Amino acid sequence: MRLLGLVVLFLLASGCGNGDPASSTLGPHFGTGTINPSINQLTPNTAPVNSVPFTMTIQGQNFGADAVVFWNAIPQQTTFVSATQLQVAVTATDLTFTGLNHIFVRTGGVNSNTVDFNETPQ
């Protein structure tokens, strides 16, 4: 019975505070506070098949310093510029097949939306 009383007391006490959940260090915290990254634009967003390698800029939101760009689910060497901009080296190997290439960013263990890069015939 004492144990049950202590549990109830703890739960009641942990819920008390000044009403500002950010200032509380006790009690349960729900939600992760994670904001999903998102891609707004690829520059360039198209290139002819077998083009020369280039650097692609990715504009978006909520990119972390750990951000990695994926090209058709393959991680690419990524340069973090800011929380809204990344750069990735697109290699000759990446540009060998005509069609859509699916681009997304993973940061903080969370994936962004997918944006297509169009590789056109020459």
N, C-alpha and C. Protein backbone atom coordinates (compact mmCIF):
# COMPACT_ATOMS: atom_id res chain seq x y z
N MET A 1 0.82 -1.19 0.00
CA MET A 1 0.00 0.00 0.00
C MET A 1 0.86 1.25 0.00
N ARG A 2 1.97 1.20 0.77
CA ARG A 2 2.87 2.36 0.80
C ARG A 2 3.46 2.62 -0.59
N LEU A 3 3.82 1.54 -1.27
CA LEU A 3 4.40 1.68 -2.60
C LEU A 3 3.40 2.35 -3.55
N LEU A 4 2.16 1.92 -3.48
CA LEU A 4 1.13 2.53 -4.32
C LEU A 4 0.96 4.01 -3.99
N GLY A 5 1.00 4.34 -2.71
CA GLY A 5 0.90 5.73 -2.29
C GLY A 5 2.06 6.56 -2.79
N LEU A 6 3.27 6.00 -2.77
CA LEU A 6 4.45 6.71 -3.27
C LEU A 6 4.36 6.93 -4.78
N VAL A 7 3.88 5.93 -5.50
CA VAL A 7 3.74 6.06 -6.95
C VAL A 7 2.74 7.16 -7.28
N VAL A 8 1.61 7.17 -6.60
CA VAL A 8 0.60 8.20 -6.84
C VAL A 8 1.15 9.57 -6.48
N LEU A 9 1.86 9.68 -5.35
CA LEU A 9 2.44 10.95 -4.95
C LEU A 9 3.44 11.44 -5.99
N PHE A 10 4.29 10.55 -6.50
CA PHE A 10 5.28 10.92 -7.51
C PHE A 10 4.59 11.42 -8.78
N LEU A 11 3.55 10.69 -9.22
CA LEU A 11 2.86 11.10 -10.44
C LEU A 11 2.18 12.45 -10.27
N LEU A 12 1.59 12.69 -9.12
CA LEU A 12 0.97 13.99 -8.88
C LEU A 12 2.01 15.10 -8.80
N ALA A 13 3.11 14.84 -8.12
CA ALA A 13 4.15 15.86 -7.98
C ALA A 13 4.83 16.16 -9.29
N SER A 14 5.01 15.15 -10.12
CA SER A 14 5.70 15.39 -11.39
C SER A 14 4.84 16.18 -12.35
N GLY A 15 3.53 16.19 -12.14
CA GLY A 15 2.64 16.96 -13.00
C GLY A 15 2.51 18.41 -12.57
N CYS A 16 3.02 18.75 -11.40
CA CYS A 16 2.91 20.11 -10.90
C CYS A 16 4.05 20.96 -11.43
N GLY A 17 3.86 22.24 -11.52
CA GLY A 17 4.90 23.13 -12.00
C GLY A 17 4.31 24.47 -12.35
N ASN A 18 5.07 25.25 -13.08
CA ASN A 18 4.62 26.61 -13.40
C ASN A 18 3.85 26.68 -14.71
N GLY A 19 3.56 25.53 -15.30
CA GLY A 19 2.79 25.53 -16.54
C GLY A 19 3.64 25.60 -17.79
N ASP A 20 4.94 25.77 -17.63
CA ASP A 20 5.85 25.83 -18.78
C ASP A 20 6.56 24.49 -18.89
N PRO A 21 6.15 23.61 -19.82
CA PRO A 21 6.76 22.29 -19.91
C PRO A 21 8.24 22.35 -20.25
N ALA A 22 8.71 23.40 -20.88
CA ALA A 22 10.13 23.50 -21.22
C ALA A 22 10.99 23.71 -19.98
N SER A 23 10.40 24.26 -18.90
CA SER A 23 11.18 24.53 -17.71
C SER A 23 11.19 23.36 -16.75
N SER A 24 10.38 22.34 -17.02
CA SER A 24 10.29 21.20 -16.12
C SER A 24 11.32 20.15 -16.50
N THR A 25 12.04 19.63 -15.49
CA THR A 25 13.01 18.57 -15.74
C THR A 25 12.53 17.26 -15.16
N LEU A 26 11.42 17.27 -14.44
CA LEU A 26 10.87 16.05 -13.86
C LEU A 26 9.63 15.64 -14.61
N GLY A 27 9.24 14.40 -14.41
CA GLY A 27 7.98 13.94 -14.96
C GLY A 27 8.13 13.46 -16.39
N PRO A 28 7.10 12.80 -16.85
CA PRO A 28 7.14 12.26 -18.21
C PRO A 28 7.09 13.36 -19.26
N HIS A 29 7.77 13.11 -20.34
CA HIS A 29 7.75 14.02 -21.48
C HIS A 29 7.30 13.23 -22.69
N PHE A 30 6.28 13.71 -23.36
CA PHE A 30 5.72 13.01 -24.50
C PHE A 30 6.13 13.72 -25.78
N GLY A 31 6.31 12.94 -26.84
CA GLY A 31 6.73 13.50 -28.12
C GLY A 31 8.24 13.59 -28.17
N THR A 32 8.76 13.63 -29.35
CA THR A 32 10.21 13.65 -29.52
C THR A 32 10.73 15.05 -29.76
N GLY A 33 9.87 15.96 -30.19
CA GLY A 33 10.33 17.30 -30.51
C GLY A 33 11.08 17.34 -31.83
N THR A 34 11.10 16.23 -32.56
CA THR A 34 11.81 16.15 -33.82
C THR A 34 11.00 16.84 -34.91
N ILE A 35 11.67 17.69 -35.67
CA ILE A 35 11.04 18.34 -36.80
C ILE A 35 11.60 17.68 -38.05
N ASN A 36 10.73 17.19 -38.90
CA ASN A 36 11.17 16.47 -40.08
C ASN A 36 11.87 17.40 -41.07
N PRO A 37 12.96 16.92 -41.65
CA PRO A 37 13.59 17.69 -42.72
C PRO A 37 12.72 17.64 -43.97
N SER A 38 12.87 18.63 -44.82
CA SER A 38 12.13 18.61 -46.08
C SER A 38 12.94 19.28 -47.18
N ILE A 39 12.76 18.77 -48.39
CA ILE A 39 13.42 19.32 -49.58
C ILE A 39 12.41 20.19 -50.31
N ASN A 40 12.83 21.41 -50.66
CA ASN A 40 12.00 22.31 -51.46
C ASN A 40 12.42 22.32 -52.92
N GLN A 41 13.75 22.26 -53.16
CA GLN A 41 14.24 22.44 -54.52
C GLN A 41 15.60 21.79 -54.70
N LEU A 42 15.81 21.21 -55.89
CA LEU A 42 17.11 20.70 -56.32
C LEU A 42 17.62 21.62 -57.42
N THR A 43 18.89 22.01 -57.34
CA THR A 43 19.48 22.86 -58.39
C THR A 43 20.81 22.26 -58.82
N PRO A 44 20.91 21.78 -60.05
CA PRO A 44 19.86 21.64 -61.04
C PRO A 44 18.94 20.48 -60.67
N ASN A 45 17.80 20.39 -61.35
CA ASN A 45 16.87 19.29 -61.08
C ASN A 45 16.75 18.35 -62.29
N THR A 46 17.57 18.60 -63.30
CA THR A 46 17.61 17.75 -64.48
C THR A 46 18.97 17.86 -65.15
N ALA A 47 19.36 16.80 -65.87
CA ALA A 47 20.61 16.79 -66.64
C ALA A 47 20.52 15.67 -67.67
N PRO A 48 21.22 15.81 -68.79
CA PRO A 48 21.25 14.73 -69.77
C PRO A 48 22.05 13.54 -69.25
N VAL A 49 21.65 12.35 -69.68
CA VAL A 49 22.39 11.15 -69.33
C VAL A 49 23.84 11.30 -69.79
N ASN A 50 24.76 10.74 -69.06
CA ASN A 50 26.20 10.78 -69.33
C ASN A 50 26.78 12.20 -69.30
N SER A 51 26.16 13.08 -68.52
CA SER A 51 26.70 14.44 -68.34
C SER A 51 27.99 14.38 -67.53
N VAL A 52 28.70 15.48 -67.55
CA VAL A 52 29.90 15.59 -66.71
C VAL A 52 29.45 15.75 -65.26
N PRO A 53 30.23 15.27 -64.31
CA PRO A 53 29.88 15.42 -62.90
C PRO A 53 29.70 16.89 -62.52
N PHE A 54 28.87 17.13 -61.51
CA PHE A 54 28.60 18.49 -61.06
C PHE A 54 28.19 18.46 -59.59
N THR A 55 28.08 19.64 -58.99
CA THR A 55 27.61 19.77 -57.62
C THR A 55 26.16 20.21 -57.64
N MET A 56 25.31 19.45 -56.96
CA MET A 56 23.90 19.78 -56.86
C MET A 56 23.64 20.44 -55.51
N THR A 57 22.84 21.50 -55.51
CA THR A 57 22.46 22.20 -54.29
C THR A 57 21.04 21.79 -53.92
N ILE A 58 20.84 21.48 -52.66
CA ILE A 58 19.52 21.08 -52.17
C ILE A 58 19.05 22.13 -51.18
N GLN A 59 17.92 22.76 -51.51
CA GLN A 59 17.31 23.77 -50.64
C GLN A 59 16.16 23.10 -49.89
N GLY A 60 16.03 23.44 -48.60
CA GLY A 60 14.94 22.87 -47.81
C GLY A 60 14.93 23.44 -46.41
N GLN A 61 14.48 22.63 -45.46
CA GLN A 61 14.43 23.04 -44.06
C GLN A 61 14.86 21.90 -43.15
N ASN A 62 15.33 22.30 -41.97
CA ASN A 62 15.62 21.39 -40.86
C ASN A 62 16.71 20.37 -41.16
N PHE A 63 17.72 20.77 -41.92
CA PHE A 63 18.86 19.90 -42.15
C PHE A 63 19.83 20.06 -40.98
N GLY A 64 20.34 18.95 -40.49
CA GLY A 64 21.33 18.99 -39.43
C GLY A 64 22.72 18.78 -40.01
N ALA A 65 23.74 19.00 -39.18
CA ALA A 65 25.13 18.82 -39.61
C ALA A 65 25.41 17.37 -40.00
N ASP A 66 24.56 16.44 -39.54
CA ASP A 66 24.73 15.01 -39.87
C ASP A 66 23.98 14.60 -41.13
N ALA A 67 23.41 15.56 -41.85
CA ALA A 67 22.57 15.27 -43.01
C ALA A 67 23.34 14.51 -44.09
N VAL A 68 22.66 13.52 -44.67
CA VAL A 68 23.21 12.75 -45.78
C VAL A 68 22.16 12.72 -46.89
N VAL A 69 22.60 13.02 -48.10
CA VAL A 69 21.72 12.96 -49.28
C VAL A 69 21.77 11.54 -49.83
N PHE A 70 20.60 11.02 -50.18
CA PHE A 70 20.52 9.69 -50.80
C PHE A 70 20.05 9.85 -52.23
N TRP A 71 20.77 9.20 -53.15
CA TRP A 71 20.46 9.20 -54.58
C TRP A 71 20.02 7.79 -54.90
N ASN A 72 18.74 7.59 -55.18
CA ASN A 72 18.19 6.24 -55.41
C ASN A 72 18.58 5.30 -54.26
N ALA A 73 18.40 5.77 -53.03
CA ALA A 73 18.65 5.01 -51.79
C ALA A 73 20.12 4.74 -51.52
N ILE A 74 21.02 5.37 -52.28
CA ILE A 74 22.47 5.21 -52.06
C ILE A 74 23.00 6.49 -51.42
N PRO A 75 23.63 6.39 -50.24
CA PRO A 75 24.15 7.59 -49.58
C PRO A 75 25.26 8.24 -50.41
N GLN A 76 25.22 9.56 -50.46
CA GLN A 76 26.19 10.33 -51.24
C GLN A 76 27.05 11.19 -50.30
N GLN A 77 28.23 11.55 -50.78
CA GLN A 77 29.07 12.46 -50.01
C GLN A 77 28.38 13.82 -49.99
N THR A 78 28.02 14.27 -48.79
CA THR A 78 27.19 15.46 -48.61
C THR A 78 27.95 16.53 -47.86
N THR A 79 27.81 17.77 -48.30
CA THR A 79 28.40 18.92 -47.61
C THR A 79 27.27 19.72 -46.97
N PHE A 80 27.35 19.86 -45.65
CA PHE A 80 26.37 20.67 -44.92
C PHE A 80 26.77 22.13 -45.08
N VAL A 81 25.87 22.95 -45.61
CA VAL A 81 26.10 24.38 -45.76
C VAL A 81 25.37 25.13 -44.65
N SER A 82 24.08 24.78 -44.47
CA SER A 82 23.27 25.40 -43.42
C SER A 82 22.05 24.51 -43.19
N ALA A 83 21.21 24.91 -42.25
CA ALA A 83 20.00 24.16 -41.95
C ALA A 83 19.01 24.18 -43.12
N THR A 84 19.27 25.04 -44.11
CA THR A 84 18.39 25.13 -45.27
C THR A 84 19.08 24.78 -46.59
N GLN A 85 20.38 24.41 -46.53
CA GLN A 85 21.09 24.12 -47.78
C GLN A 85 22.15 23.04 -47.58
N LEU A 86 22.15 22.11 -48.54
CA LEU A 86 23.16 21.06 -48.61
C LEU A 86 23.72 21.05 -50.02
N GLN A 87 24.93 20.48 -50.16
CA GLN A 87 25.49 20.26 -51.49
C GLN A 87 25.96 18.82 -51.58
N VAL A 88 25.81 18.25 -52.77
CA VAL A 88 26.21 16.88 -53.00
C VAL A 88 26.89 16.78 -54.36
N ALA A 89 27.97 16.00 -54.40
CA ALA A 89 28.69 15.77 -55.66
C ALA A 89 27.97 14.69 -56.44
N VAL A 90 27.48 15.03 -57.62
CA VAL A 90 26.84 14.06 -58.51
C VAL A 90 27.91 13.55 -59.45
N THR A 91 28.17 12.26 -59.41
CA THR A 91 29.28 11.66 -60.15
C THR A 91 28.83 11.16 -61.52
N ALA A 92 29.80 10.81 -62.34
CA ALA A 92 29.50 10.24 -63.66
C ALA A 92 28.72 8.94 -63.51
N THR A 93 29.01 8.16 -62.48
CA THR A 93 28.29 6.91 -62.23
C THR A 93 26.81 7.19 -61.95
N ASP A 94 26.52 8.28 -61.24
CA ASP A 94 25.13 8.65 -60.95
C ASP A 94 24.35 9.01 -62.21
N LEU A 95 25.06 9.39 -63.26
CA LEU A 95 24.43 9.93 -64.47
C LEU A 95 24.46 8.98 -65.65
N THR A 96 24.39 7.69 -65.39
CA THR A 96 24.53 6.71 -66.47
C THR A 96 23.22 6.15 -67.01
N PHE A 97 22.09 6.43 -66.34
CA PHE A 97 20.80 5.86 -66.79
C PHE A 97 19.75 6.95 -66.93
N THR A 98 19.02 6.91 -68.04
CA THR A 98 17.93 7.85 -68.28
C THR A 98 16.76 7.53 -67.34
N GLY A 99 16.12 8.57 -66.86
CA GLY A 99 14.93 8.38 -66.02
C GLY A 99 14.99 9.21 -64.76
N LEU A 100 14.07 8.92 -63.84
CA LEU A 100 13.98 9.66 -62.59
C LEU A 100 14.88 9.05 -61.53
N ASN A 101 15.58 9.90 -60.83
CA ASN A 101 16.39 9.50 -59.68
C ASN A 101 15.73 10.09 -58.45
N HIS A 102 15.52 9.27 -57.44
CA HIS A 102 14.80 9.68 -56.24
C HIS A 102 15.79 10.20 -55.20
N ILE A 103 15.61 11.45 -54.79
CA ILE A 103 16.52 12.13 -53.87
C ILE A 103 15.80 12.39 -52.55
N PHE A 104 16.43 12.01 -51.44
CA PHE A 104 15.92 12.38 -50.13
C PHE A 104 17.09 12.64 -49.20
N VAL A 105 16.82 13.27 -48.07
CA VAL A 105 17.84 13.61 -47.08
C VAL A 105 17.49 12.90 -45.78
N ARG A 106 18.50 12.34 -45.13
CA ARG A 106 18.32 11.76 -43.80
C ARG A 106 19.14 12.60 -42.82
N THR A 107 18.50 13.10 -41.80
CA THR A 107 19.19 13.86 -40.75
C THR A 107 18.52 13.55 -39.42
N GLY A 108 19.32 13.34 -38.40
CA GLY A 108 18.77 13.00 -37.10
C GLY A 108 17.99 11.71 -37.11
N GLY A 109 18.31 10.81 -38.05
CA GLY A 109 17.61 9.54 -38.15
C GLY A 109 16.24 9.63 -38.80
N VAL A 110 15.90 10.80 -39.35
CA VAL A 110 14.59 11.02 -39.97
C VAL A 110 14.79 11.35 -41.45
N ASN A 111 13.95 10.75 -42.29
CA ASN A 111 14.02 11.01 -43.73
C ASN A 111 13.11 12.16 -44.14
N SER A 112 13.57 12.91 -45.14
CA SER A 112 12.77 13.99 -45.72
C SER A 112 11.81 13.40 -46.75
N ASN A 113 11.07 14.30 -47.38
CA ASN A 113 10.28 13.93 -48.55
C ASN A 113 11.25 13.56 -49.68
N THR A 114 10.73 12.91 -50.69
CA THR A 114 11.54 12.52 -51.85
C THR A 114 11.22 13.46 -53.01
N VAL A 115 12.27 13.93 -53.68
CA VAL A 115 12.14 14.80 -54.85
C VAL A 115 12.88 14.11 -55.99
N ASP A 116 12.31 14.17 -57.18
CA ASP A 116 12.90 13.47 -58.33
C ASP A 116 13.84 14.39 -59.10
N PHE A 117 14.98 13.80 -59.47
CA PHE A 117 15.95 14.43 -60.38
C PHE A 117 15.75 13.72 -61.71
N ASN A 118 15.49 14.46 -62.78
CA ASN A 118 15.20 13.88 -64.09
C ASN A 118 16.47 13.80 -64.93
N GLU A 119 16.83 12.59 -65.28
CA GLU A 119 17.99 12.37 -66.16
C GLU A 119 17.43 12.08 -67.56
N THR A 120 17.65 13.03 -68.45
CA THR A 120 17.01 12.99 -69.76
C THR A 120 17.92 12.35 -70.81
N PRO A 121 17.34 11.85 -71.92
CA PRO A 121 18.17 11.34 -73.01
C PRO A 121 18.92 12.49 -73.66
N GLN A 122 20.04 12.17 -74.29
CA GLN A 122 20.81 13.21 -74.97
C GLN A 122 20.25 13.50 -76.33
